[in-house]
């Protein structure tokens, strides 16, 4: 399966781009992922005939200054590609376990603070280590 993307929109004032991911596999082509009118089931299209919206349209914030370009931009966009999800689509849907999820739908849940992974250093610890670095003698 070959995953592809298109930049659909750029918003300099918000420092974002809207990217559409799709593939050459029947379950994840641009047409297969297109949003359809719920009343008619017909793909919603722009006046020029292009697909208006897909399930894999993804908003990426461009945090870097300056904004990446060339291969750096390709790498950034590619890092957001939904490889695993496309793989799941291609392999078929397994509905086992979704009953428990359905029972939790609509329930409001507080999100806990992230748990720090063991072995992570604090900024102070990193600065202390850097300040103690000694140059390596050259031969």
N, C-alpha and C. Protein backbone atom coordinates (compact mmCIF):
# COMPACT_ATOMS: atom_id res chain seq x y z
N UNK A 1 0.84 -1.17 0.00
CA UNK A 1 0.00 0.00 0.00
C UNK A 1 0.89 1.24 0.00
N UNK A 2 0.61 2.16 -0.90
CA UNK A 2 1.35 3.41 -0.99
C UNK A 2 0.50 4.53 -0.42
N UNK A 3 0.96 5.14 0.67
CA UNK A 3 0.24 6.26 1.27
C UNK A 3 0.68 7.54 0.57
N UNK A 4 -0.31 8.38 0.30
CA UNK A 4 -0.07 9.64 -0.41
C UNK A 4 -0.68 10.77 0.40
N UNK A 5 -0.33 12.01 0.05
CA UNK A 5 -0.97 13.15 0.70
C UNK A 5 -1.07 14.31 -0.27
N UNK A 6 -1.98 15.23 0.06
CA UNK A 6 -2.12 16.51 -0.64
C UNK A 6 -2.24 17.58 0.42
N UNK A 7 -1.60 18.71 0.21
CA UNK A 7 -1.86 19.87 1.06
C UNK A 7 -3.11 20.53 0.50
N UNK A 8 -4.15 20.59 1.32
CA UNK A 8 -5.45 21.10 0.88
C UNK A 8 -5.57 22.60 1.13
N UNK A 9 -5.00 23.05 2.25
CA UNK A 9 -5.14 24.45 2.64
C UNK A 9 -3.96 24.85 3.49
N UNK A 10 -3.54 26.09 3.37
CA UNK A 10 -2.50 26.65 4.23
C UNK A 10 -3.07 27.89 4.91
N UNK A 11 -2.80 28.03 6.19
CA UNK A 11 -3.29 29.17 6.96
C UNK A 11 -2.11 29.84 7.68
N UNK A 12 -1.44 30.79 7.01
CA UNK A 12 -0.27 31.43 7.62
C UNK A 12 -0.58 32.10 8.96
N UNK A 13 -1.76 32.71 9.08
CA UNK A 13 -2.10 33.41 10.33
C UNK A 13 -2.26 32.45 11.51
N UNK A 14 -2.61 31.20 11.23
CA UNK A 14 -2.71 30.19 12.28
C UNK A 14 -1.51 29.26 12.31
N UNK A 15 -0.60 29.43 11.36
CA UNK A 15 0.60 28.59 11.22
C UNK A 15 0.24 27.12 11.08
N UNK A 16 -0.76 26.84 10.24
CA UNK A 16 -1.21 25.47 10.03
C UNK A 16 -1.34 25.15 8.55
N UNK A 17 -1.32 23.85 8.27
CA UNK A 17 -1.68 23.36 6.95
C UNK A 17 -2.70 22.24 7.14
N UNK A 18 -3.58 22.09 6.18
CA UNK A 18 -4.55 21.00 6.18
C UNK A 18 -4.07 20.00 5.13
N UNK A 19 -3.83 18.77 5.57
CA UNK A 19 -3.28 17.73 4.70
C UNK A 19 -4.28 16.60 4.60
N UNK A 20 -4.45 16.07 3.41
CA UNK A 20 -5.32 14.91 3.18
C UNK A 20 -4.45 13.70 2.89
N UNK A 21 -4.61 12.67 3.72
CA UNK A 21 -3.91 11.40 3.51
C UNK A 21 -4.86 10.41 2.86
N UNK A 22 -4.34 9.58 1.96
CA UNK A 22 -5.10 8.52 1.30
C UNK A 22 -4.09 7.53 0.74
N UNK A 23 -4.57 6.45 0.15
CA UNK A 23 -3.64 5.47 -0.39
C UNK A 23 -4.16 4.88 -1.69
N UNK A 24 -3.42 3.93 -2.21
CA UNK A 24 -3.84 3.24 -3.43
C UNK A 24 -4.61 1.96 -3.13
N UNK A 25 -4.85 1.68 -1.83
CA UNK A 25 -5.63 0.49 -1.46
C UNK A 25 -7.12 0.83 -1.52
N UNK A 26 -7.94 -0.10 -1.96
CA UNK A 26 -9.38 0.15 -2.17
C UNK A 26 -10.08 0.69 -0.93
N UNK A 27 -9.61 0.33 0.28
CA UNK A 27 -10.29 0.79 1.50
C UNK A 27 -9.90 2.19 1.92
N UNK A 28 -8.86 2.74 1.31
CA UNK A 28 -8.39 4.05 1.76
C UNK A 28 -8.02 4.99 0.61
N UNK A 29 -8.70 4.85 -0.52
CA UNK A 29 -8.52 5.82 -1.60
C UNK A 29 -9.18 7.13 -1.18
N UNK A 30 -8.90 8.17 -1.91
CA UNK A 30 -9.52 9.47 -1.60
C UNK A 30 -11.05 9.36 -1.69
N UNK A 31 -11.54 8.65 -2.69
CA UNK A 31 -13.00 8.46 -2.84
C UNK A 31 -13.58 7.66 -1.68
N UNK A 32 -12.89 6.60 -1.26
CA UNK A 32 -13.40 5.75 -0.17
C UNK A 32 -13.43 6.50 1.15
N UNK A 33 -12.55 7.48 1.33
CA UNK A 33 -12.47 8.23 2.58
C UNK A 33 -13.28 9.52 2.56
N UNK A 34 -13.86 9.85 1.41
CA UNK A 34 -14.61 11.10 1.26
C UNK A 34 -15.84 11.13 2.16
N UNK A 35 -16.17 12.32 2.64
CA UNK A 35 -17.38 12.52 3.44
C UNK A 35 -18.56 12.63 2.50
N UNK A 36 -19.61 11.89 2.83
CA UNK A 36 -20.82 11.88 2.00
C UNK A 36 -21.94 12.67 2.67
N UNK A 37 -22.84 13.19 1.86
CA UNK A 37 -24.05 13.85 2.36
C UNK A 37 -24.86 12.79 3.08
N UNK A 38 -25.22 13.01 4.37
CA UNK A 38 -25.93 11.98 5.12
C UNK A 38 -27.33 11.67 4.57
N UNK A 39 -27.91 12.61 3.84
CA UNK A 39 -29.25 12.39 3.29
C UNK A 39 -29.23 11.62 1.98
N UNK A 40 -28.20 11.89 1.16
CA UNK A 40 -28.17 11.29 -0.17
C UNK A 40 -27.12 10.19 -0.33
N UNK A 41 -26.10 10.20 0.54
CA UNK A 41 -25.01 9.24 0.41
C UNK A 41 -24.02 9.60 -0.69
N UNK A 42 -24.18 10.77 -1.29
CA UNK A 42 -23.32 11.23 -2.38
C UNK A 42 -22.14 12.00 -1.79
N UNK A 43 -20.95 11.78 -2.35
CA UNK A 43 -19.75 12.48 -1.91
C UNK A 43 -19.96 13.98 -2.05
N UNK A 44 -19.60 14.72 -1.00
CA UNK A 44 -19.70 16.18 -1.03
C UNK A 44 -18.48 16.71 -1.77
N UNK A 45 -18.74 17.51 -2.80
CA UNK A 45 -17.65 18.02 -3.64
C UNK A 45 -17.66 19.55 -3.68
N UNK A 46 -16.49 20.10 -3.94
CA UNK A 46 -16.34 21.54 -4.16
C UNK A 46 -16.91 21.87 -5.53
N UNK A 47 -17.16 23.16 -5.80
CA UNK A 47 -17.68 23.54 -7.13
C UNK A 47 -16.82 23.07 -8.30
N UNK A 48 -15.50 22.91 -8.07
CA UNK A 48 -14.62 22.46 -9.16
C UNK A 48 -14.59 20.94 -9.31
N UNK A 49 -15.39 20.22 -8.49
CA UNK A 49 -15.49 18.77 -8.60
C UNK A 49 -14.56 18.00 -7.68
N UNK A 50 -13.63 18.70 -7.02
CA UNK A 50 -12.74 18.00 -6.08
C UNK A 50 -13.50 17.64 -4.81
N UNK A 51 -13.00 16.65 -4.10
CA UNK A 51 -13.63 16.21 -2.86
C UNK A 51 -13.44 17.28 -1.80
N UNK A 52 -14.54 17.65 -1.14
CA UNK A 52 -14.48 18.72 -0.15
C UNK A 52 -13.76 18.30 1.13
N UNK A 53 -14.07 17.10 1.62
CA UNK A 53 -13.53 16.69 2.91
C UNK A 53 -13.41 15.17 2.97
N UNK A 54 -12.36 14.70 3.63
CA UNK A 54 -12.16 13.26 3.84
C UNK A 54 -11.96 12.99 5.33
N UNK A 55 -12.15 11.75 5.70
CA UNK A 55 -11.95 11.35 7.10
C UNK A 55 -10.50 11.51 7.54
N UNK A 56 -9.60 11.57 6.61
CA UNK A 56 -8.18 11.69 6.94
C UNK A 56 -7.62 13.07 6.67
N UNK A 57 -8.45 14.09 6.58
CA UNK A 57 -7.95 15.46 6.50
C UNK A 57 -7.39 15.79 7.88
N UNK A 58 -6.16 16.26 7.91
CA UNK A 58 -5.44 16.41 9.17
C UNK A 58 -4.82 17.80 9.24
N UNK A 59 -5.10 18.50 10.33
CA UNK A 59 -4.57 19.84 10.54
C UNK A 59 -3.22 19.73 11.25
N UNK A 60 -2.17 20.25 10.64
CA UNK A 60 -0.83 20.19 11.22
C UNK A 60 -0.38 21.60 11.56
N UNK A 61 0.01 21.80 12.82
CA UNK A 61 0.55 23.09 13.24
C UNK A 61 2.03 23.12 12.92
N UNK A 62 2.46 24.19 12.30
CA UNK A 62 3.86 24.36 11.92
C UNK A 62 4.57 25.14 13.02
N UNK A 63 5.06 24.42 14.03
CA UNK A 63 5.68 25.05 15.19
C UNK A 63 7.04 25.63 14.87
N UNK A 64 7.72 25.03 13.92
CA UNK A 64 9.10 25.42 13.64
C UNK A 64 9.17 26.82 13.05
N UNK A 65 10.25 27.55 13.42
CA UNK A 65 10.54 28.85 12.85
C UNK A 65 11.95 28.76 12.29
N UNK A 66 12.16 29.02 11.02
CA UNK A 66 11.13 29.32 10.02
C UNK A 66 10.33 28.06 9.67
N UNK A 67 9.22 28.29 8.98
CA UNK A 67 8.36 27.18 8.56
C UNK A 67 9.17 26.23 7.69
N UNK A 68 9.07 24.93 7.92
CA UNK A 68 9.86 23.99 7.12
C UNK A 68 9.46 24.02 5.65
N UNK A 69 10.41 23.67 4.81
CA UNK A 69 10.15 23.60 3.37
C UNK A 69 10.94 22.42 2.82
N UNK A 70 10.71 22.11 1.56
CA UNK A 70 11.45 21.03 0.91
C UNK A 70 11.29 19.71 1.64
N UNK A 71 12.39 18.98 1.78
CA UNK A 71 12.36 17.65 2.39
C UNK A 71 11.95 17.71 3.86
N UNK A 72 12.27 18.80 4.56
CA UNK A 72 11.86 18.94 5.96
C UNK A 72 10.34 18.98 6.08
N UNK A 73 9.68 19.65 5.15
CA UNK A 73 8.22 19.69 5.14
C UNK A 73 7.64 18.32 4.80
N UNK A 74 8.22 17.65 3.82
CA UNK A 74 7.77 16.29 3.45
C UNK A 74 7.90 15.37 4.66
N UNK A 75 9.03 15.44 5.37
CA UNK A 75 9.25 14.59 6.53
C UNK A 75 8.25 14.88 7.64
N UNK A 76 7.98 16.16 7.87
CA UNK A 76 7.01 16.54 8.90
C UNK A 76 5.63 16.00 8.57
N UNK A 77 5.17 16.22 7.36
CA UNK A 77 3.84 15.75 6.94
C UNK A 77 3.80 14.22 7.01
N UNK A 78 4.83 13.57 6.51
CA UNK A 78 4.87 12.10 6.49
C UNK A 78 4.82 11.52 7.90
N UNK A 79 5.36 12.23 8.88
CA UNK A 79 5.34 11.73 10.25
C UNK A 79 3.93 11.68 10.83
N UNK A 80 2.99 12.38 10.21
CA UNK A 80 1.60 12.39 10.66
C UNK A 80 0.72 11.40 9.90
N UNK A 81 1.27 10.72 8.92
CA UNK A 81 0.46 9.79 8.11
C UNK A 81 -0.08 8.65 8.97
N UNK A 82 -1.35 8.29 8.78
CA UNK A 82 -1.97 7.26 9.62
C UNK A 82 -1.68 5.84 9.12
N UNK A 83 -0.41 5.45 9.12
CA UNK A 83 0.01 4.14 8.61
C UNK A 83 -0.75 2.99 9.26
N UNK A 84 -0.81 2.99 10.59
CA UNK A 84 -1.46 1.88 11.30
C UNK A 84 -2.94 1.82 10.97
N UNK A 85 -3.61 2.96 10.91
CA UNK A 85 -5.04 2.98 10.64
C UNK A 85 -5.33 2.46 9.24
N UNK A 86 -4.53 2.88 8.26
CA UNK A 86 -4.71 2.37 6.90
C UNK A 86 -4.50 0.86 6.88
N UNK A 87 -3.52 0.37 7.64
CA UNK A 87 -3.29 -1.06 7.72
C UNK A 87 -4.48 -1.79 8.32
N UNK A 88 -5.10 -1.21 9.34
CA UNK A 88 -6.30 -1.81 9.93
C UNK A 88 -7.44 -1.85 8.92
N UNK A 89 -7.62 -0.75 8.17
CA UNK A 89 -8.68 -0.73 7.16
C UNK A 89 -8.44 -1.81 6.10
N UNK A 90 -7.21 -1.95 5.69
CA UNK A 90 -6.89 -2.92 4.65
C UNK A 90 -7.11 -4.35 5.13
N UNK A 91 -6.93 -4.58 6.45
CA UNK A 91 -7.07 -5.92 7.00
C UNK A 91 -8.49 -6.28 7.38
N UNK A 92 -9.43 -5.36 7.27
CA UNK A 92 -10.81 -5.62 7.66
C UNK A 92 -11.05 -5.17 9.09
N UNK A 93 -12.29 -5.01 9.42
CA UNK A 93 -12.67 -4.50 10.73
C UNK A 93 -13.00 -5.65 11.67
N UNK A 94 -12.46 -5.60 12.87
CA UNK A 94 -12.76 -6.58 13.91
C UNK A 94 -13.59 -5.85 14.97
N UNK A 95 -14.84 -6.24 15.10
CA UNK A 95 -15.75 -5.53 15.99
C UNK A 95 -15.70 -6.03 17.43
N UNK A 96 -14.91 -7.03 17.73
CA UNK A 96 -14.82 -7.56 19.09
C UNK A 96 -14.33 -6.48 20.04
N UNK A 97 -14.94 -6.38 21.18
CA UNK A 97 -14.51 -5.41 22.19
C UNK A 97 -15.19 -4.06 22.10
N UNK A 98 -15.92 -3.79 21.03
CA UNK A 98 -16.54 -2.48 20.88
C UNK A 98 -17.78 -2.30 21.75
N UNK A 99 -18.35 -3.38 22.26
CA UNK A 99 -19.51 -3.28 23.16
C UNK A 99 -19.13 -2.52 24.42
N UNK A 100 -17.96 -2.82 24.97
CA UNK A 100 -17.50 -2.14 26.19
C UNK A 100 -17.24 -0.66 25.92
N UNK A 101 -16.71 -0.36 24.76
CA UNK A 101 -16.48 1.04 24.40
C UNK A 101 -17.82 1.75 24.26
N UNK A 102 -18.78 1.09 23.63
CA UNK A 102 -20.10 1.68 23.46
C UNK A 102 -20.76 2.02 24.78
N UNK A 103 -20.53 1.21 25.79
CA UNK A 103 -21.11 1.47 27.11
C UNK A 103 -20.51 2.72 27.75
N UNK A 104 -19.32 3.11 27.34
CA UNK A 104 -18.65 4.29 27.90
C UNK A 104 -18.90 5.56 27.10
N UNK A 105 -19.51 5.43 25.93
CA UNK A 105 -19.71 6.61 25.07
C UNK A 105 -20.60 7.63 25.75
N UNK A 106 -20.21 8.88 25.62
CA UNK A 106 -20.99 9.97 26.18
C UNK A 106 -20.64 10.31 27.61
N UNK A 107 -19.86 9.47 28.28
CA UNK A 107 -19.46 9.74 29.66
C UNK A 107 -18.31 10.73 29.67
N UNK A 108 -18.44 11.75 30.50
CA UNK A 108 -17.37 12.73 30.64
C UNK A 108 -16.32 12.18 31.59
N UNK A 109 -15.06 12.22 31.17
CA UNK A 109 -13.97 11.68 31.97
C UNK A 109 -12.89 12.74 32.08
N UNK A 110 -12.41 12.99 33.29
CA UNK A 110 -11.32 13.94 33.50
C UNK A 110 -10.02 13.30 33.02
N UNK A 111 -9.22 14.05 32.31
CA UNK A 111 -7.95 13.55 31.79
C UNK A 111 -6.88 13.81 32.84
N UNK A 112 -6.21 12.75 33.32
CA UNK A 112 -5.17 12.94 34.33
C UNK A 112 -3.92 13.57 33.73
N UNK A 113 -3.10 14.12 34.60
CA UNK A 113 -1.81 14.65 34.15
C UNK A 113 -0.99 13.49 33.60
N UNK A 114 -0.18 13.75 32.57
CA UNK A 114 0.65 12.66 32.03
C UNK A 114 1.60 12.13 33.09
N UNK A 115 1.81 10.84 33.08
CA UNK A 115 2.74 10.21 33.99
C UNK A 115 4.11 10.23 33.34
N UNK A 116 5.09 10.76 34.06
CA UNK A 116 6.45 10.82 33.52
C UNK A 116 7.01 9.41 33.43
N UNK A 117 7.67 9.14 32.34
CA UNK A 117 8.31 7.83 32.16
C UNK A 117 9.50 7.72 33.10
N UNK A 118 9.76 6.52 33.57
CA UNK A 118 10.92 6.31 34.43
C UNK A 118 12.18 6.64 33.67
N UNK A 119 13.10 7.27 34.36
CA UNK A 119 14.39 7.54 33.76
C UNK A 119 14.47 8.88 33.05
N UNK A 120 13.37 9.64 32.98
CA UNK A 120 13.45 10.95 32.35
C UNK A 120 14.16 11.93 33.27
N UNK A 121 14.95 12.80 32.70
CA UNK A 121 15.68 13.78 33.48
C UNK A 121 14.92 15.09 33.50
N UNK A 122 15.05 15.82 34.59
CA UNK A 122 14.46 17.15 34.66
C UNK A 122 15.39 18.12 33.95
N UNK A 123 14.89 19.31 33.66
CA UNK A 123 15.72 20.32 33.01
C UNK A 123 16.93 20.67 33.88
N UNK A 124 16.71 20.77 35.19
CA UNK A 124 17.81 21.09 36.10
C UNK A 124 18.89 20.01 36.06
N UNK A 125 18.48 18.74 36.01
CA UNK A 125 19.44 17.64 35.95
C UNK A 125 20.24 17.68 34.65
N UNK A 126 19.57 17.99 33.56
CA UNK A 126 20.26 18.08 32.26
C UNK A 126 21.27 19.22 32.27
N UNK A 127 20.85 20.40 32.79
CA UNK A 127 21.76 21.54 32.84
C UNK A 127 22.97 21.25 33.72
N UNK A 128 22.76 20.54 34.85
CA UNK A 128 23.88 20.18 35.72
C UNK A 128 24.84 19.25 34.99
N UNK A 129 24.31 18.29 34.24
CA UNK A 129 25.16 17.37 33.49
C UNK A 129 25.96 18.10 32.43
N UNK A 130 25.32 19.02 31.71
CA UNK A 130 26.00 19.76 30.65
C UNK A 130 27.10 20.64 31.23
N UNK A 131 26.82 21.26 32.37
CA UNK A 131 27.83 22.15 32.96
C UNK A 131 29.05 21.36 33.44
N UNK A 132 28.90 20.07 33.70
CA UNK A 132 30.02 19.23 34.17
C UNK A 132 30.78 18.56 33.03
N UNK A 133 30.39 18.79 31.80
CA UNK A 133 31.08 18.15 30.68
C UNK A 133 32.51 18.67 30.56
N UNK A 134 33.42 17.77 30.30
CA UNK A 134 34.82 18.11 30.12
C UNK A 134 35.21 17.82 28.68
N UNK A 135 36.04 18.65 28.10
CA UNK A 135 36.48 18.37 26.73
C UNK A 135 37.26 17.05 26.68
N UNK A 136 37.11 16.35 25.57
CA UNK A 136 37.82 15.10 25.36
C UNK A 136 39.24 15.42 24.88
N UNK A 137 40.25 14.87 25.57
CA UNK A 137 41.62 15.14 25.10
C UNK A 137 41.84 14.60 23.71
N UNK A 138 42.57 15.34 22.90
CA UNK A 138 42.89 14.88 21.56
C UNK A 138 44.30 14.31 21.57
N UNK A 139 44.52 13.35 20.73
CA UNK A 139 45.84 12.68 20.71
C UNK A 139 46.81 13.41 19.83
